[in-house]
Amino acid sequence: MSPEYLRHCLSFGFSNKCTNSSIGQYGNGFKTSTMRLGADAIIFSCRKANRLTRSVGLLSYTFLKGTGCDDILVPVVDYEFDPSSRNFKRIMDRGEKHFSSNLSTLLRWSQFSTEDDLLNQFEDMGCHGTKIVVFNLWLNDVDEMELDFTTDDEDIMMSGAPKIPEERAKVKRLNHMHIANRFRYSLRVYASILYLRLPQHFKVILCGRTVEPHHIIKDLIYRECIKYQPQVGTSVQVDVITSIGFLKGAPHLDIYGFNVYHRNRLILPFWAAGSERGRGRGIAGVLEANFIRPTHDKQDFEKTELFQRLETRLKDMTMEYWRHHAHLIGYQPVTKSLPPAYYTSIAATNDSSVAQATATTYARNSRAKASGVLNSCFNGGNSLNPLHVGALRDQMDYGACSLARRNMRTSLYMPSTPQQTEPCKRRNSGSMIEMRAQKRHNTNGVNVVEIGEERSSLLLCQNMMLKAECSELEAAGQTLRSKADRLMGELREWQRKQRSLTDELEFYHGLSAIHRRIHPIASTSSLGVGWI
């Protein structure tokens, strides 16, 4: 940060972010977060733009309390690189007295005793970066530090974290070691799920080791993808893709809930969303809800109507998923009924007669009308029934999740309607067998798709899945090729530097040999290049 930006950062309530696309809006996040960890924080920041600057600022509760200040004072000193002297000189825009007062406050209320100690903190930062040192960490009720730095050398944990159960308590140990419980007291685990996606060149390094990102969606089995379309404002609709499934280890895991992200940052981890523990055990989901606003501390969402509707939809989604999938992990089947009228298969979506029948069914079912045609979604070796958690203003739809491994359901369930049964009454064939067959056909409400169409639709579905998988592999291959090209470029650069250093070393060896021939006595007591 430049000197100006650092002062903005340390000012309470300052924010120049005027759009909803950025994370920070209130101008208090840095101050409240550092003060939550410790009483004092000192910030070192340098930037190279038109000029190379270094700035040091102190945010100190100890200083304010010790001096009895009524206002929040934040001492800051700035330095600028002087090319002529090749040193950093003081920036004294407000006079030397003001600079000296801020510097003395910094040295008195921090762990650095001299100005050189302050400037030495920039040596490992290069010409661009920020270093934050939080000290005088807070203590808990038993006068122990809230943060535990000793239990794990590669992690920072909360003091008083629960002990790992014994090996023989396998179920209890499984629940304890799950990420849904560990993130509450392990900074490494929490940082691993904090971001939904990481930029290519972004890393979180904790205690000298990189934090590997953990994608919760990969922990789900029998996964389904559901599109939720909430109504934002009067006419704007947004698409929210929710992945839902059972966690690996279910039904032994007593864990459930949705992980709700906002603009790539985790806000609510394993949020129950009003679901019942018994009829949602082991079910988890992941979604990014950018249409609702988080609270200022990024630990919850504002309790608006949009948030309440989202909570209702997620609860309904959990119950619907449980009814159709609980038997896959060992529970008794909840329902054996045929899929509702608004369930349709991929094979039937291109059939004009089916489309006409579907439109007729929608006339009797407002929920199906709002939801539209839902595509079946397959995953993990089982045929999954799509969910319907739609409403007139909030719609859900299924997208394809993965390649089907079992035969796909290609029949369409449609209850008989007056429009469908009327032609049958007028068309009297006189054949009792035909009439009974037609009656059974109407009462069952099932239109059977021919075997050839079933196989064709299955192949088409598999073809689409394979094409999507090929596209992903091609994109991954392109990324790897780009990375390989970059590494080859770096390798060539290092080889060039090696050749240059080798030539330089040979040159110095030659000079050394010449020096030994000219000064044989002096060469015995000095290095070959010491005279240059």
Protein backbone atom coordinates (compact mmCIF):
# COMPACT_ATOMS: atom_id res chain seq x y z
CA MET A 1 0.00 0.00 0.00
CA SER A 2 1.06 3.54 -0.63
CA PRO A 3 1.16 5.96 2.34
CA GLU A 4 -2.29 7.23 1.36
CA TYR A 5 -3.80 3.75 1.05
CA LEU A 6 -2.35 2.67 4.38
CA ARG A 7 -4.03 5.60 6.12
CA HIS A 8 -7.32 4.66 4.47
CA CYS A 9 -6.86 1.08 5.66
CA LEU A 10 -6.27 2.20 9.26
CA SER A 11 -9.17 4.67 9.27
CA PHE A 12 -12.40 3.48 10.85
CA GLY A 13 -15.41 3.58 8.56
CA PHE A 14 -13.52 4.53 5.38
CA SER A 15 -14.48 2.65 2.22
CA ASN A 16 -14.29 3.72 -1.41
CA LYS A 17 -16.03 0.58 -2.71
CA CYS A 18 -19.26 1.81 -4.24
CA THR A 19 -20.41 -1.40 -5.99
CA ASN A 20 -21.83 -4.67 -4.73
CA SER A 21 -19.22 -6.70 -6.64
CA SER A 22 -16.49 -6.19 -4.03
CA ILE A 23 -16.19 -7.86 -0.64
CA GLY A 24 -15.49 -4.96 1.71
CA GLN A 25 -18.11 -2.25 2.07
CA TYR A 26 -18.12 -0.88 5.62
CA GLY A 27 -14.45 0.00 6.14
CA ASN A 28 -14.08 -1.77 9.49
CA GLY A 29 -13.05 -5.34 8.59
CA PHE A 30 -9.29 -5.05 9.05
CA LYS A 31 -9.55 -3.16 12.33
CA THR A 32 -12.14 -5.42 13.97
CA SER A 33 -10.42 -8.64 12.85
CA THR A 34 -6.96 -7.68 14.13
CA MET A 35 -8.35 -6.30 17.38
CA ARG A 36 -10.25 -9.57 17.88
CA LEU A 37 -6.95 -11.48 17.85
CA GLY A 38 -4.83 -9.15 19.96
CA ALA A 39 -4.69 -5.75 21.59
CA ASP A 40 -2.09 -4.33 19.19
CA ALA A 41 -1.09 -4.63 15.56
CA ILE A 42 1.74 -3.02 13.62
CA ILE A 43 1.60 -2.88 9.83
CA PHE A 44 4.52 -2.69 7.40
CA SER A 45 3.67 -1.98 3.78
CA CYS A 46 5.75 -1.03 0.74
CA ARG A 47 4.84 -0.20 -2.83
CA LYS A 48 6.67 0.63 -6.02
CA ALA A 49 4.68 2.77 -8.44
CA ASN A 50 5.99 6.19 -9.48
CA ARG A 51 8.25 5.96 -6.45
CA LEU A 52 9.30 3.30 -3.96
CA THR A 53 7.74 3.96 -0.54
CA ARG A 54 7.68 2.25 2.82
CA SER A 55 5.10 2.91 5.52
CA VAL A 56 4.66 1.76 9.13
CA GLY A 57 1.42 2.14 11.09
CA LEU A 58 0.38 1.15 14.62
CA LEU A 59 -3.15 0.18 15.65
CA SER A 60 -2.84 -0.14 19.43
CA TYR A 61 -5.50 -0.59 22.10
CA THR A 62 -2.70 -0.64 24.70
CA PHE A 63 -1.49 2.78 23.55
CA LEU A 64 -4.97 4.32 23.59
CA LYS A 65 -5.77 2.90 27.03
CA GLY A 66 -2.36 3.80 28.48
CA THR A 67 -2.51 7.42 27.32
CA GLY A 68 -6.22 7.88 28.07
CA CYS A 69 -7.00 9.09 24.55
CA ASP A 70 -10.64 9.91 23.87
CA ASP A 71 -10.07 9.75 20.09
CA ILE A 72 -8.55 6.86 18.13
CA LEU A 73 -5.02 7.90 17.19
CA VAL A 74 -3.06 5.81 14.68
CA PRO A 75 0.61 6.89 14.35
CA VAL A 76 2.08 6.35 10.87
CA VAL A 77 5.56 7.11 9.47
CA ASP A 78 6.54 7.03 5.77
CA TYR A 79 9.81 6.67 3.88
CA GLU A 80 10.79 7.22 0.25
CA PHE A 81 13.72 5.76 -1.65
CA ASP A 82 16.31 8.35 -2.70
CA PRO A 83 18.17 7.20 -5.86
CA SER A 84 21.03 9.63 -5.32
CA SER A 85 21.98 8.35 -1.87
CA ARG A 86 20.44 4.89 -2.44
CA ASN A 87 18.82 5.09 0.99
CA PHE A 88 15.32 5.63 2.31
CA LYS A 89 14.65 9.14 3.53
CA ARG A 90 11.85 10.34 5.75
CA ILE A 91 8.68 11.82 4.25
CA MET A 92 7.79 14.77 6.45
CA ASP A 93 4.81 16.34 4.70
CA ARG A 94 3.42 17.52 8.07
CA GLY A 95 6.72 18.66 9.48
CA GLU A 96 9.61 17.05 11.33
CA LYS A 97 7.93 17.45 14.73
CA HIS A 98 4.89 15.44 13.64
CA PHE A 99 7.10 12.70 12.17
CA SER A 100 9.24 12.50 15.32
CA SER A 101 6.14 12.29 17.54
CA ASN A 102 4.70 9.38 15.51
CA LEU A 103 8.06 7.59 15.44
CA SER A 104 8.53 7.85 19.19
CA THR A 105 5.01 6.49 19.75
CA LEU A 106 5.72 3.56 17.44
CA LEU A 107 8.98 2.70 19.22
CA ARG A 108 7.49 3.06 22.69
CA TRP A 109 4.35 0.96 22.19
CA SER A 110 5.72 -1.78 19.95
CA GLN A 111 8.39 -4.46 20.34
CA PHE A 112 10.82 -2.51 18.13
CA SER A 113 13.24 -0.23 19.98
CA THR A 114 14.97 1.68 17.15
CA GLU A 115 14.13 3.10 13.75
CA ASP A 116 16.55 0.67 12.12
CA ASP A 117 14.62 -2.24 13.68
CA LEU A 118 11.48 -0.97 11.99
CA LEU A 119 13.14 -0.62 8.58
CA ASN A 120 14.76 -4.05 8.85
CA GLN A 121 11.28 -5.61 8.71
CA PHE A 122 11.12 -4.68 5.02
CA GLU A 123 14.22 -6.65 4.06
CA ASP A 124 12.33 -9.87 3.24
CA MET A 125 9.41 -8.11 1.51
CA GLY A 126 11.02 -6.87 -1.68
CA CYS A 127 9.45 -3.73 -3.12
CA HIS A 128 5.79 -4.73 -2.95
CA GLY A 129 3.83 -6.29 -0.11
CA THR A 130 2.38 -5.98 3.39
CA LYS A 131 3.34 -7.55 6.72
CA ILE A 132 1.04 -7.48 9.75
CA VAL A 133 2.32 -8.31 13.24
CA VAL A 134 -0.38 -8.84 15.90
CA PHE A 135 0.91 -8.89 19.47
CA ASN A 136 -0.43 -8.84 23.05
CA LEU A 137 -2.83 -11.63 22.10
CA TRP A 138 -5.99 -11.99 24.14
CA LEU A 139 -6.39 -14.50 26.96
CA ASN A 140 -9.41 -16.67 27.73
CA ASP A 141 -11.28 -16.99 31.04
CA VAL A 142 -8.56 -19.19 32.57
CA ASP A 143 -5.75 -16.76 31.62
CA GLU A 144 -4.50 -18.88 28.72
CA MET A 145 -3.98 -17.60 25.20
CA GLU A 146 -7.03 -18.15 23.03
CA LEU A 147 -4.77 -19.37 20.24
CA ASP A 148 -2.69 -22.54 20.62
CA PHE A 149 0.63 -22.48 18.74
CA THR A 150 2.26 -25.53 20.37
CA THR A 151 -0.06 -28.52 19.89
CA ASP A 152 0.56 -28.70 16.13
CA ASP A 153 3.69 -27.20 14.59
CA GLU A 154 1.93 -26.72 11.26
CA ASP A 155 -1.34 -25.30 12.55
CA ILE A 156 -2.82 -22.63 14.82
CA MET A 157 -5.64 -24.01 16.92
CA MET A 158 -8.15 -22.74 19.43
CA SER A 159 -7.17 -23.44 23.02
CA GLY A 160 -9.21 -26.16 24.64
CA ALA A 161 -9.83 -28.07 21.41
CA PRO A 162 -11.43 -31.49 22.01
CA LYS A 163 -9.13 -34.49 22.23
CA ILE A 164 -9.09 -37.11 19.50
CA PRO A 165 -11.11 -40.17 20.60
CA GLU A 166 -9.46 -43.55 20.96
CA GLU A 167 -9.14 -45.94 18.04
CA ARG A 168 -11.75 -48.33 19.40
CA ALA A 169 -14.43 -45.62 19.32
CA LYS A 170 -14.51 -45.68 15.55
CA VAL A 171 -17.82 -43.89 14.97
CA LYS A 172 -17.01 -41.17 17.49
CA ARG A 173 -13.54 -40.78 16.01
CA LEU A 174 -14.98 -40.59 12.49
CA ASN A 175 -17.27 -37.73 13.49
CA HIS A 176 -14.53 -35.93 15.44
CA MET A 177 -12.03 -36.06 12.57
CA HIS A 178 -14.50 -34.86 9.97
CA ILE A 179 -13.85 -31.44 8.50
CA ALA A 180 -17.29 -30.28 9.65
CA ASN A 181 -16.09 -30.46 13.26
CA ARG A 182 -12.38 -29.69 12.84
CA PHE A 183 -12.88 -26.32 11.14
CA ARG A 184 -14.23 -24.94 14.44
CA TYR A 185 -10.83 -25.11 16.17
CA SER A 186 -8.22 -25.59 13.39
CA LEU A 187 -7.11 -22.59 11.32
CA ARG A 188 -5.59 -24.83 8.64
CA VAL A 189 -8.84 -26.74 8.16
CA TYR A 190 -10.91 -23.55 8.15
CA ALA A 191 -8.61 -21.91 5.61
CA SER A 192 -8.85 -24.99 3.37
CA ILE A 193 -12.62 -24.51 2.89
CA LEU A 194 -12.72 -20.71 3.17
CA TYR A 195 -12.70 -20.10 -0.59
CA LEU A 196 -14.84 -21.91 -3.15
CA ARG A 197 -12.29 -21.28 -5.92
CA LEU A 198 -8.66 -20.17 -5.69
CA PRO A 199 -6.88 -18.05 -8.31
CA GLN A 200 -4.03 -19.80 -10.06
CA HIS A 201 -1.24 -17.85 -8.35
CA PHE A 202 -2.86 -17.48 -4.92
CA LYS A 203 -1.64 -19.46 -1.89
CA VAL A 204 -2.32 -19.46 1.83
CA ILE A 205 0.82 -20.39 3.78
CA LEU A 206 0.38 -21.31 7.43
CA CYS A 207 3.34 -22.09 9.71
CA GLY A 208 5.61 -22.44 6.69
CA ARG A 209 3.41 -24.95 4.82
CA THR A 210 0.91 -24.25 2.06
CA VAL A 211 -2.75 -24.81 2.93
CA GLU A 212 -4.21 -27.26 0.41
CA PRO A 213 -7.77 -26.31 -0.63
CA HIS A 214 -10.48 -28.80 0.31
CA HIS A 215 -13.52 -28.98 -1.96
CA ILE A 216 -16.49 -30.19 0.06
CA ILE A 217 -18.37 -31.07 -3.12
CA LYS A 218 -15.90 -33.92 -3.66
CA ASP A 219 -16.94 -35.43 -0.33
CA LEU A 220 -20.49 -36.00 -1.58
CA ILE A 221 -21.78 -39.31 -2.91
CA TYR A 222 -25.01 -39.83 -4.88
CA ARG A 223 -24.68 -36.20 -5.76
CA GLU A 224 -27.31 -34.19 -7.57
CA CYS A 225 -27.12 -30.69 -9.03
CA ILE A 226 -30.18 -28.46 -8.67
CA LYS A 227 -30.75 -25.04 -10.20
CA TYR A 228 -32.58 -22.65 -7.90
CA GLN A 229 -33.93 -19.41 -9.40
CA PRO A 230 -34.98 -16.89 -6.73
CA GLN A 231 -36.83 -13.75 -7.69
CA VAL A 232 -34.63 -10.78 -6.82
CA GLY A 233 -36.48 -7.48 -7.08
CA THR A 234 -39.46 -7.14 -9.39
CA SER A 235 -38.26 -8.93 -12.52
CA VAL A 236 -34.67 -10.13 -12.01
CA GLN A 237 -33.97 -13.84 -11.63
CA VAL A 238 -30.62 -15.34 -10.71
CA ASP A 239 -29.39 -18.91 -11.15
CA VAL A 240 -28.03 -20.67 -8.07
CA ILE A 241 -26.60 -24.16 -8.60
CA THR A 242 -26.84 -26.31 -5.46
CA SER A 243 -24.95 -29.60 -5.19
CA ILE A 244 -26.48 -31.97 -2.67
CA GLY A 245 -25.61 -35.51 -1.63
CA PHE A 246 -24.62 -37.79 1.21
CA LEU A 247 -21.24 -37.24 2.86
CA LYS A 248 -18.74 -40.05 2.59
CA GLY A 249 -19.11 -42.10 5.74
CA ALA A 250 -22.89 -41.79 5.97
CA PRO A 251 -24.95 -43.07 7.77
CA HIS A 252 -22.36 -43.19 10.55
CA LEU A 253 -21.74 -39.43 10.34
CA ASP A 254 -23.93 -37.31 12.60
CA ILE A 255 -23.23 -34.31 10.34
CA TYR A 256 -25.45 -32.45 7.90
CA GLY A 257 -25.97 -28.99 6.47
CA PHE A 258 -25.25 -26.67 3.57
CA ASN A 259 -22.04 -24.74 2.96
CA VAL A 260 -23.16 -21.34 1.71
CA TYR A 261 -20.59 -19.12 -0.01
CA HIS A 262 -20.91 -15.48 -0.97
CA ARG A 263 -18.69 -14.17 -3.74
CA ASN A 264 -16.34 -17.11 -3.32
CA ARG A 265 -16.02 -16.75 0.48
CA LEU A 266 -17.54 -19.17 2.97
CA ILE A 267 -20.19 -17.53 5.15
CA LEU A 268 -22.20 -20.41 6.66
CA PRO A 269 -20.38 -23.75 7.00
CA PHE A 270 -22.63 -26.80 7.41
CA TRP A 271 -25.72 -24.72 8.01
CA ALA A 272 -28.69 -26.89 9.04
CA ALA A 273 -31.20 -24.58 7.25
CA GLY A 274 -34.06 -25.72 9.48
CA SER A 275 -33.63 -29.41 8.62
CA GLU A 276 -34.37 -32.13 11.15
CA ARG A 277 -31.40 -34.08 12.46
CA GLY A 278 -33.06 -37.47 11.98
CA ARG A 279 -34.32 -36.94 8.42
CA GLY A 280 -31.27 -35.12 7.14
CA ARG A 281 -28.45 -37.04 8.76
CA GLY A 282 -25.43 -37.23 6.49
CA ILE A 283 -26.85 -34.90 3.81
CA ALA A 284 -24.70 -31.92 2.85
CA GLY A 285 -24.69 -29.36 0.07
CA VAL A 286 -22.65 -26.57 -1.48
CA LEU A 287 -23.96 -23.39 -3.09
CA GLU A 288 -22.91 -19.80 -3.78
CA ALA A 289 -25.63 -17.31 -2.79
CA ASN A 290 -24.55 -13.96 -4.21
CA PHE A 291 -28.11 -12.61 -4.21
CA ILE A 292 -28.27 -12.13 -0.43
CA ARG A 293 -26.11 -9.86 1.71
CA PRO A 294 -23.82 -11.10 4.49
CA THR A 295 -23.47 -9.37 7.84
CA HIS A 296 -20.51 -7.09 8.46
CA ASP A 297 -18.48 -9.83 10.18
CA LYS A 298 -19.04 -12.29 7.29
CA GLN A 299 -20.31 -14.95 9.72
CA ASP A 300 -23.99 -14.87 8.77
CA PHE A 301 -26.48 -13.37 6.32
CA GLU A 302 -28.91 -10.54 6.89
CA LYS A 303 -32.29 -11.97 7.84
CA THR A 304 -34.21 -10.69 4.84
CA GLU A 305 -37.15 -12.24 2.98
CA LEU A 306 -34.75 -13.62 0.36
CA PHE A 307 -32.76 -15.38 3.06
CA GLN A 308 -35.89 -16.87 4.64
CA ARG A 309 -37.05 -18.17 1.27
CA LEU A 310 -33.65 -19.71 0.65
CA GLU A 311 -33.80 -21.43 4.05
CA THR A 312 -37.23 -22.86 3.21
CA ARG A 313 -36.07 -24.13 -0.18
CA LEU A 314 -32.99 -25.81 1.26
CA LYS A 315 -35.08 -27.49 3.96
CA ASP A 316 -37.54 -28.79 1.34
CA MET A 317 -34.65 -29.88 -0.84
CA THR A 318 -33.14 -31.88 2.02
CA MET A 319 -36.40 -33.64 2.83
CA GLU A 320 -37.08 -34.44 -0.83
CA TYR A 321 -33.57 -35.81 -1.28
CA TRP A 322 -33.94 -37.91 1.87
CA ARG A 323 -37.22 -39.45 0.69
CA HIS A 324 -35.75 -40.63 -2.61
CA HIS A 325 -32.19 -41.51 -1.54
CA ALA A 326 -32.19 -42.68 2.09
CA HIS A 327 -32.29 -46.33 1.02
CA LEU A 328 -29.00 -45.93 -0.86
CA ILE A 329 -27.02 -45.75 2.41
CA GLY A 330 -28.91 -48.43 4.33
CA TYR A 331 -32.06 -46.77 5.63
CA GLN A 332 -35.51 -48.18 4.99
CA PRO A 333 -37.11 -46.80 1.81
CA VAL A 334 -39.21 -43.79 2.71
CA THR A 335 -41.49 -43.85 -0.32
CA LYS A 336 -42.28 -46.33 -3.07
CA SER A 337 -44.59 -44.10 -5.05
CA LEU A 338 -43.98 -43.21 -8.66
CA PRO A 339 -42.36 -39.86 -9.39
CA PRO A 340 -44.79 -36.92 -9.44
CA ALA A 341 -46.24 -35.48 -12.64
CA TYR A 342 -43.54 -32.86 -12.93
CA TYR A 343 -40.83 -35.54 -13.22
CA THR A 344 -39.80 -36.24 -16.77
CA SER A 345 -36.85 -37.93 -18.38
CA ILE A 346 -34.28 -36.71 -20.85
CA ALA A 347 -35.70 -39.05 -23.47
CA ALA A 348 -39.11 -37.44 -23.35
CA THR A 349 -38.09 -33.81 -23.62
CA ASN A 350 -37.89 -33.86 -27.44
CA ASP A 351 -41.22 -35.68 -28.01
CA SER A 352 -43.95 -33.35 -29.24
CA SER A 353 -46.75 -35.56 -27.94
CA VAL A 354 -45.13 -35.72 -24.56
CA ALA A 355 -44.70 -31.97 -24.57
CA GLN A 356 -48.40 -31.58 -25.26
CA ALA A 357 -49.27 -33.95 -22.45
CA THR A 358 -46.89 -32.15 -20.16
CA ALA A 359 -48.56 -28.84 -20.91
CA THR A 360 -51.89 -30.42 -20.06
CA THR A 361 -50.53 -31.69 -16.77
CA TYR A 362 -49.12 -28.26 -15.91
CA ALA A 363 -52.60 -26.82 -16.23
CA ARG A 364 -53.59 -28.94 -13.23
CA ASN A 365 -50.41 -28.43 -11.25
CA SER A 366 -49.27 -24.86 -10.60
CA ARG A 367 -46.08 -26.05 -8.87
CA ALA A 368 -45.11 -28.08 -11.92
CA LYS A 369 -45.95 -25.14 -14.16
CA ALA A 370 -43.60 -22.90 -12.21
CA SER A 371 -40.86 -25.47 -12.14
CA GLY A 372 -40.85 -26.41 -15.80
CA VAL A 373 -39.45 -29.65 -17.17
CA LEU A 374 -36.77 -31.13 -14.95
CA ASN A 375 -33.97 -33.25 -16.37
CA SER A 376 -33.01 -36.44 -14.58
CA CYS A 377 -29.53 -36.40 -13.11
CA PHE A 378 -27.33 -39.44 -12.55
CA ASN A 379 -24.33 -39.95 -10.31
CA GLY A 380 -22.18 -42.51 -8.59
CA GLY A 381 -23.68 -45.74 -9.82
CA ASN A 382 -27.32 -45.07 -8.97
CA SER A 383 -30.27 -43.63 -10.83
CA LEU A 384 -31.36 -40.54 -8.97
CA ASN A 385 -34.83 -39.11 -8.98
CA PRO A 386 -34.92 -35.37 -9.61
CA LEU A 387 -36.25 -33.12 -6.91
CA HIS A 388 -38.93 -30.54 -7.22
CA VAL A 389 -38.77 -27.72 -4.76
CA GLY A 390 -40.31 -25.10 -7.00
CA ALA A 391 -42.79 -22.30 -6.51
CA LEU A 392 -44.29 -19.60 -8.68
CA ARG A 393 -41.53 -17.16 -7.79
CA ASP A 394 -38.68 -19.57 -7.01
CA GLN A 395 -37.85 -22.25 -9.54
CA MET A 396 -35.49 -25.21 -9.39
CA ASP A 397 -34.22 -27.29 -12.26
CA TYR A 398 -31.85 -30.19 -12.61
CA GLY A 399 -28.71 -30.17 -14.68
CA ALA A 400 -26.66 -33.17 -15.64
CA CYS A 401 -24.21 -34.16 -12.92
CA SER A 402 -22.27 -37.15 -14.24
CA LEU A 403 -22.43 -40.14 -16.53
CA ALA A 404 -25.18 -42.67 -15.85
CA ARG A 405 -24.03 -46.10 -14.77
CA ARG A 406 -27.43 -47.79 -14.70
CA ASN A 407 -30.25 -47.90 -17.16
CA MET A 408 -31.91 -44.54 -17.37
CA ARG A 409 -35.61 -44.13 -16.54
CA THR A 410 -37.21 -43.18 -19.84
CA SER A 411 -40.89 -43.44 -19.03
CA LEU A 412 -43.04 -40.42 -18.45
CA TYR A 413 -45.56 -40.42 -15.62
CA MET A 414 -48.67 -38.47 -16.49
CA PRO A 415 -52.01 -38.81 -14.68
CA SER A 416 -54.97 -39.14 -16.96
CA THR A 417 -56.84 -35.96 -17.69
CA PRO A 418 -60.26 -35.25 -19.21
CA GLN A 419 -58.53 -34.17 -22.41
CA GLN A 420 -56.78 -37.50 -22.64
CA THR A 421 -59.70 -39.76 -21.75
CA GLU A 422 -62.38 -38.07 -23.86
CA PRO A 423 -61.14 -39.45 -27.21
CA CYS A 424 -61.14 -42.93 -25.69
CA LYS A 425 -64.87 -42.66 -24.89
CA ARG A 426 -65.76 -41.61 -28.43
CA ARG A 427 -63.56 -44.24 -30.07
CA ASN A 428 -65.51 -47.43 -29.24
CA SER A 429 -63.80 -50.34 -30.98
CA GLY A 430 -66.22 -52.93 -29.66
CA SER A 431 -63.36 -55.03 -28.41
CA MET A 432 -63.57 -55.75 -24.69
CA ILE A 433 -59.87 -56.68 -24.62
CA GLU A 434 -58.88 -53.40 -26.23
CA MET A 435 -61.09 -51.45 -23.85
CA ARG A 436 -59.60 -53.16 -20.81
CA ALA A 437 -56.09 -52.58 -22.12
CA GLN A 438 -56.91 -48.94 -22.73
CA LYS A 439 -58.44 -48.64 -19.27
CA ARG A 440 -55.36 -50.15 -17.64
CA HIS A 441 -53.23 -47.79 -19.68
CA ASN A 442 -55.18 -44.72 -18.56
CA THR A 443 -55.40 -45.66 -14.89
CA ASN A 444 -51.68 -46.41 -14.64
CA GLY A 445 -50.88 -43.12 -16.30
CA VAL A 446 -47.63 -44.42 -17.81
CA ASN A 447 -46.63 -43.86 -21.43
CA VAL A 448 -44.09 -46.52 -22.29
CA VAL A 449 -41.26 -45.45 -24.55
CA GLU A 450 -40.14 -47.98 -27.11
CA ILE A 451 -36.96 -49.94 -26.56
CA GLY A 452 -35.23 -48.34 -29.52
CA GLU A 453 -36.00 -44.83 -28.29
CA GLU A 454 -34.85 -45.79 -24.81
CA ARG A 455 -31.50 -47.02 -26.07
CA SER A 456 -31.13 -44.04 -28.38
CA SER A 457 -31.85 -41.57 -25.61
CA LEU A 458 -29.43 -43.37 -23.30
CA LEU A 459 -26.69 -43.17 -25.91
CA LEU A 460 -27.45 -39.50 -26.51
CA CYS A 461 -27.21 -38.82 -22.79
CA GLN A 462 -23.95 -40.71 -22.52
CA ASN A 463 -22.65 -38.85 -25.57
CA MET A 464 -23.41 -35.48 -23.95
CA MET A 465 -21.72 -36.54 -20.74
CA LEU A 466 -18.64 -37.77 -22.58
CA LYS A 467 -18.44 -34.54 -24.58
CA ALA A 468 -18.60 -32.52 -21.36
CA GLU A 469 -15.92 -34.71 -19.81
CA CYS A 470 -13.74 -34.33 -22.93
CA SER A 471 -14.14 -30.57 -22.76
CA GLU A 472 -13.00 -30.58 -19.15
CA LEU A 473 -10.02 -32.77 -20.02
CA GLU A 474 -9.11 -30.52 -22.95
CA ALA A 475 -9.25 -27.47 -20.69
CA ALA A 476 -7.09 -29.24 -18.10
CA GLY A 477 -4.67 -30.25 -20.85
CA GLN A 478 -4.46 -26.67 -22.09
CA THR A 479 -3.72 -25.49 -18.55
CA LEU A 480 -0.99 -28.11 -18.17
CA ARG A 481 0.53 -27.15 -21.53
CA SER A 482 0.59 -23.50 -20.51
CA LYS A 483 2.23 -24.43 -17.23
CA ALA A 484 4.77 -26.61 -19.05
CA ASP A 485 5.61 -23.75 -21.45
CA ARG A 486 6.07 -21.39 -18.52
CA LEU A 487 8.32 -23.86 -16.70
CA MET A 488 10.34 -24.44 -19.87
CA GLY A 489 10.80 -20.69 -20.20
CA GLU A 490 11.96 -20.46 -16.60
CA LEU A 491 14.29 -23.43 -17.15
CA ARG A 492 15.85 -21.77 -20.20
CA GLU A 493 16.29 -18.56 -18.22
CA TRP A 494 18.06 -20.39 -15.39
CA GLN A 495 20.23 -22.25 -17.91
CA ARG A 496 21.20 -18.93 -19.44
CA LYS A 497 22.09 -17.55 -16.02
CA GLN A 498 24.09 -20.70 -15.27
CA ARG A 499 26.10 -20.32 -18.48
CA SER A 500 26.72 -16.66 -17.69
CA LEU A 501 27.92 -17.46 -14.18
CA THR A 502 30.06 -20.32 -15.47
CA ASP A 503 31.74 -18.01 -18.00
CA GLU A 504 32.27 -15.42 -15.28
CA LEU A 505 33.76 -18.04 -12.97
CA GLU A 506 36.14 -19.25 -15.69
CA PHE A 507 37.16 -15.64 -16.30
CA TYR A 508 37.99 -15.16 -12.60
CA HIS A 509 39.90 -18.43 -12.54
CA GLY A 510 41.98 -17.15 -15.46
CA LEU A 511 42.68 -13.89 -13.67
CA SER A 512 43.60 -15.84 -10.56
CA ALA A 513 46.12 -17.92 -12.49
CA ILE A 514 47.65 -14.79 -13.97
CA HIS A 515 47.77 -13.19 -10.53
CA ARG A 516 49.57 -16.22 -9.06
CA ARG A 517 52.21 -16.08 -11.80
CA ILE A 518 52.78 -12.36 -11.29
CA HIS A 519 52.55 -12.35 -7.47
CA PRO A 520 53.47 -15.86 -6.32
CA ILE A 521 54.09 -14.81 -2.68
CA ALA A 522 50.93 -12.76 -2.18
CA SER A 523 48.75 -15.48 -3.66
CA THR A 524 49.54 -17.84 -0.81
CA SER A 525 47.83 -15.61 1.75
CA SER A 526 44.83 -14.23 -0.18
CA LEU A 527 42.01 -15.48 -2.31
CA GLY A 528 42.32 -15.45 -6.05
CA VAL A 529 39.76 -12.65 -6.51
CA GLY A 530 40.50 -10.71 -3.35
CA TRP A 531 42.46 -8.05 -5.11
CA ILE A 532 39.82 -7.08 -7.67
